[in-house]
Protein backbone atom coordinates (compact mmCIF):
# COMPACT_ATOMS: atom_id res chain seq x y z
CA MET A 1 67.78 88.41 -89.36
CA GLN A 2 71.31 90.71 -89.14
CA ASP A 3 69.20 93.42 -91.64
CA ALA A 4 65.73 92.59 -89.51
CA GLY A 5 65.75 95.94 -87.77
CA VAL A 6 63.76 97.13 -84.52
CA LEU A 7 60.15 95.63 -85.92
CA GLY A 8 62.04 92.22 -86.69
CA TRP A 9 63.09 91.77 -83.28
CA LEU A 10 59.71 93.40 -82.02
CA LEU A 11 57.89 90.68 -83.64
CA VAL A 12 60.55 87.77 -82.24
CA LEU A 13 59.71 89.43 -78.36
CA LEU A 14 55.97 89.78 -79.04
CA CYS A 15 55.36 86.18 -81.20
CA GLY A 16 57.73 84.34 -78.51
CA GLY A 17 56.57 85.99 -75.24
CA THR A 18 52.83 85.15 -75.80
CA GLY A 19 53.81 82.28 -77.50
CA LEU A 20 55.53 81.38 -73.98
CA TYR A 21 53.03 82.74 -71.93
CA CYS A 22 50.23 80.30 -73.93
CA ALA A 23 52.68 77.14 -73.44
CA ALA A 24 53.35 78.15 -69.42
CA ARG A 25 49.09 78.59 -69.43
CA PHE A 26 48.97 75.07 -71.12
CA CYS A 27 51.20 73.50 -68.48
CA LEU A 28 50.23 75.28 -65.22
CA ARG A 29 46.65 74.96 -65.71
CA ARG A 30 45.92 71.12 -65.40
CA SER A 31 42.67 71.28 -64.26
CA ALA A 32 41.21 73.69 -66.93
CA PRO A 33 38.77 72.01 -69.45
CA ARG A 34 39.99 70.55 -72.32
CA ALA A 35 39.25 72.80 -75.16
CA ASP A 36 40.91 75.77 -72.86
CA ARG A 37 44.22 73.68 -72.77
CA ALA A 38 44.07 72.66 -76.62
CA ALA A 39 43.63 76.29 -77.16
CA ASP A 40 46.70 77.40 -75.12
CA GLY A 41 48.66 74.84 -76.52
CA THR A 42 47.93 75.67 -80.22
CA GLU A 43 48.11 79.42 -79.37
CA ALA A 44 51.41 78.48 -78.04
CA VAL A 45 52.51 76.29 -81.08
CA MET A 46 51.99 79.31 -83.69
CA GLY A 47 53.56 82.34 -81.40
CA LEU A 48 56.85 79.86 -81.31
CA GLY A 49 56.71 79.47 -84.64
CA MET A 50 56.08 83.12 -85.73
CA ALA A 51 58.98 84.10 -83.50
CA ALA A 52 61.27 81.40 -85.33
CA MET A 53 60.24 82.80 -88.78
CA ALA A 54 60.35 86.52 -87.55
CA ALA A 55 64.03 85.87 -86.29
CA GLY A 56 64.90 84.24 -89.65
CA LEU A 57 65.85 80.70 -88.22
CA THR A 58 66.12 78.28 -90.98
CA ALA A 59 64.33 74.92 -91.41
CA PRO A 60 63.60 73.03 -94.47
CA THR A 61 60.27 73.95 -96.01
CA GLY A 62 58.54 70.93 -95.27
CA LEU A 63 59.13 70.59 -91.34
CA TRP A 64 57.29 73.90 -91.30
CA VAL A 65 54.42 72.54 -93.41
CA ALA A 66 53.96 68.97 -91.94
CA VAL A 67 53.92 70.73 -88.28
CA TYR A 68 51.37 73.75 -89.21
CA GLY A 69 49.27 71.54 -91.53
CA SER A 70 49.28 68.95 -88.83
CA ALA A 71 48.01 71.38 -86.64
CA ALA A 72 45.80 73.41 -89.12
CA LEU A 73 44.08 69.56 -89.38
CA LEU A 74 43.84 69.27 -85.87
CA SER A 75 42.18 72.74 -85.31
CA LEU A 76 39.78 71.28 -88.09
CA GLY A 77 38.88 68.27 -86.25
CA ALA A 78 38.29 70.50 -83.45
CA VAL A 79 35.88 72.79 -85.16
CA LEU A 80 33.48 70.13 -86.60
CA LEU A 81 33.80 67.79 -83.17
CA VAL A 82 33.74 69.81 -80.16
CA SER A 83 30.88 71.06 -78.74
CA GLY A 84 32.45 74.83 -77.79
CA HIS A 85 34.66 77.03 -78.95
CA ARG A 86 34.24 76.15 -82.18
CA LEU A 87 35.01 79.88 -83.55
CA HIS A 88 38.12 80.54 -81.60
CA HIS A 89 38.86 76.70 -83.08
CA GLY A 90 38.16 78.26 -86.21
CA TYR A 91 40.57 81.34 -85.82
CA HIS A 92 43.82 78.81 -84.84
CA VAL A 93 43.21 76.59 -88.48
CA LEU A 94 43.04 80.00 -89.86
CA GLY A 95 46.08 81.23 -88.25
CA HIS A 96 47.73 77.62 -89.02
CA ALA A 97 47.15 77.76 -92.22
CA ALA A 98 48.44 81.02 -92.65
CA MET A 99 52.03 79.84 -91.22
CA VAL A 100 52.24 76.97 -93.90
CA TYR A 101 51.09 79.75 -96.74
CA MET A 102 53.87 82.21 -95.72
CA ALA A 103 56.42 79.27 -95.15
CA VAL A 104 55.83 77.90 -99.09
CA ALA A 105 55.35 81.47 -100.18
CA MET A 106 58.72 82.70 -98.36
CA SER A 107 60.81 79.58 -99.51
CA GLY A 108 60.04 80.40 -103.19
CA GLY A 109 57.41 77.63 -103.46
CA ALA A 110 54.38 76.90 -105.53
CA VAL A 111 52.95 79.49 -103.70
CA GLY A 112 55.72 82.04 -105.38
CA SER A 113 58.06 80.70 -107.98
CA GLY A 114 60.73 78.10 -107.86
CA ASP A 115 60.84 75.00 -105.85
CA ILE A 116 58.86 74.09 -102.42
CA GLY A 117 62.00 71.36 -101.93
CA SER A 118 64.70 73.36 -102.55
CA GLY A 119 64.26 76.45 -100.19
CA ASP A 120 64.99 76.93 -96.06
CA MET A 121 63.19 79.43 -94.46
CA ALA A 122 65.64 82.13 -94.58
CA GLY A 123 63.91 85.45 -93.29
CA MET A 124 60.82 87.48 -94.02
CA ALA A 125 61.39 88.90 -97.17
CA GLY A 126 61.00 92.56 -95.78
CA MET A 127 62.56 91.79 -92.78
CA THR A 128 66.12 91.24 -94.64
CA GLY A 129 66.45 94.14 -96.25
CA MET A 130 65.05 92.89 -99.61
CA ALA A 131 62.85 96.17 -100.63
CA GLY A 132 62.16 95.81 -104.59
CA ALA A 133 62.57 92.37 -104.19
CA PRO A 134 59.14 91.14 -106.23
CA PRO A 135 56.61 89.99 -103.89
CA ARG A 136 55.88 86.67 -102.61
CA GLY A 137 52.89 84.94 -102.65
CA LEU A 138 49.53 85.12 -103.92
CA PRO A 139 48.44 89.73 -103.69
CA VAL A 140 44.86 87.96 -103.31
CA LEU A 141 45.37 85.28 -100.40
CA THR A 142 47.50 87.61 -98.71
CA GLY A 143 45.37 90.37 -98.82
CA THR A 144 42.17 88.34 -97.44
CA LEU A 145 44.88 86.96 -94.59
CA LEU A 146 45.84 90.41 -93.95
CA VAL A 147 41.94 91.36 -93.09
CA ALA A 148 41.03 88.36 -91.38
CA PHE A 149 43.71 89.16 -88.74
CA LEU A 150 42.83 92.86 -88.61
CA ALA A 151 39.46 91.51 -87.83
CA VAL A 152 39.94 88.62 -85.07
CA SER A 153 42.46 91.45 -83.27
CA LEU A 154 39.61 94.22 -83.70
CA VAL A 155 37.02 91.57 -82.00
CA ALA A 156 39.38 90.27 -79.81
CA GLY A 157 40.40 93.83 -78.73
CA LEU A 158 36.76 94.68 -78.17
CA ARG A 159 35.77 92.03 -75.77
CA LEU A 160 38.68 93.62 -73.50
CA THR A 161 36.93 96.69 -73.29
CA ALA A 162 33.90 94.75 -71.94
CA PRO A 163 33.17 95.54 -68.56
CA ALA A 164 34.75 93.05 -66.22
CA THR A 165 32.11 90.50 -64.68
CA GLY A 166 33.40 90.79 -60.78
CA HIS A 167 35.25 88.01 -61.54
CA ARG A 168 39.19 88.72 -60.29
CA SER A 169 41.93 86.04 -60.53
CA ARG A 170 45.20 85.82 -58.14
CA SER A 171 47.03 84.21 -61.40
CA LEU A 172 48.47 85.53 -64.15
CA PHE A 173 47.98 82.37 -65.98
CA THR A 174 44.46 82.05 -65.11
CA ALA A 175 43.29 85.84 -66.04
CA PRO A 176 40.67 85.89 -68.03
CA ALA A 177 41.24 88.72 -70.45
CA LEU A 178 44.94 87.51 -70.98
CA PRO A 179 44.40 85.00 -73.51
CA ASP A 180 42.22 87.81 -75.54
CA ALA A 181 45.37 90.17 -75.47
CA CYS A 182 47.08 87.35 -76.97
CA ARG A 183 44.64 87.09 -79.49
CA VAL A 184 45.34 90.98 -80.33
CA VAL A 185 48.82 90.64 -79.95
CA MET A 186 49.09 87.68 -82.45
CA GLY A 187 46.86 88.41 -84.71
CA LEU A 188 48.65 92.47 -85.39
CA SER A 189 51.87 90.37 -85.46
CA MET A 190 50.61 87.83 -88.24
CA ALA A 191 49.08 90.75 -90.28
CA THR A 192 52.64 92.62 -89.22
CA MET A 193 54.34 89.16 -91.71
CA LEU A 194 51.64 89.07 -93.98
CA VAL A 195 52.46 92.49 -95.08
CA LEU A 196 56.38 92.05 -95.21
CA LEU A 197 56.18 88.65 -97.20
């Protein structure tokens, strides 16, 4: 991430901080409902992975695809089998699928050009001083994902403006509004990464 500049480091800090917060919620709220803990865990995986991508950490593309493809399948299973939080799990399916898409596109694999097996994650194209490089990925799919994540951020942000219900949390890790704040950060960060793809 030598040429990433302020935007790249901001994405690393925002995504990494959000991922660590969600990981802490997952670990510290053992008595929370199973669906809530699953949401915290999957958001931690997504946030930390986004921070790693933004930082330009190298890993075989197949590893990124395996991790986020598996996470997408688990979230899809939750959408189909769990009675509550279906929309939330649907958002996770979309997020993990977008991570797979970005990993393949950044490797120059099947979505872009070249061979999927040959590329390691070398950092986001827009973050490594590659202005003028050809766009990666499929513009229509990138645009659709971009709009979807902006919509997720808008909806989560609107929920933050709803009147308080009188429930006050004594802990930062059980505050009811913070998961929506995390979704705003994650959605905007994902949209930014898609723009820079």
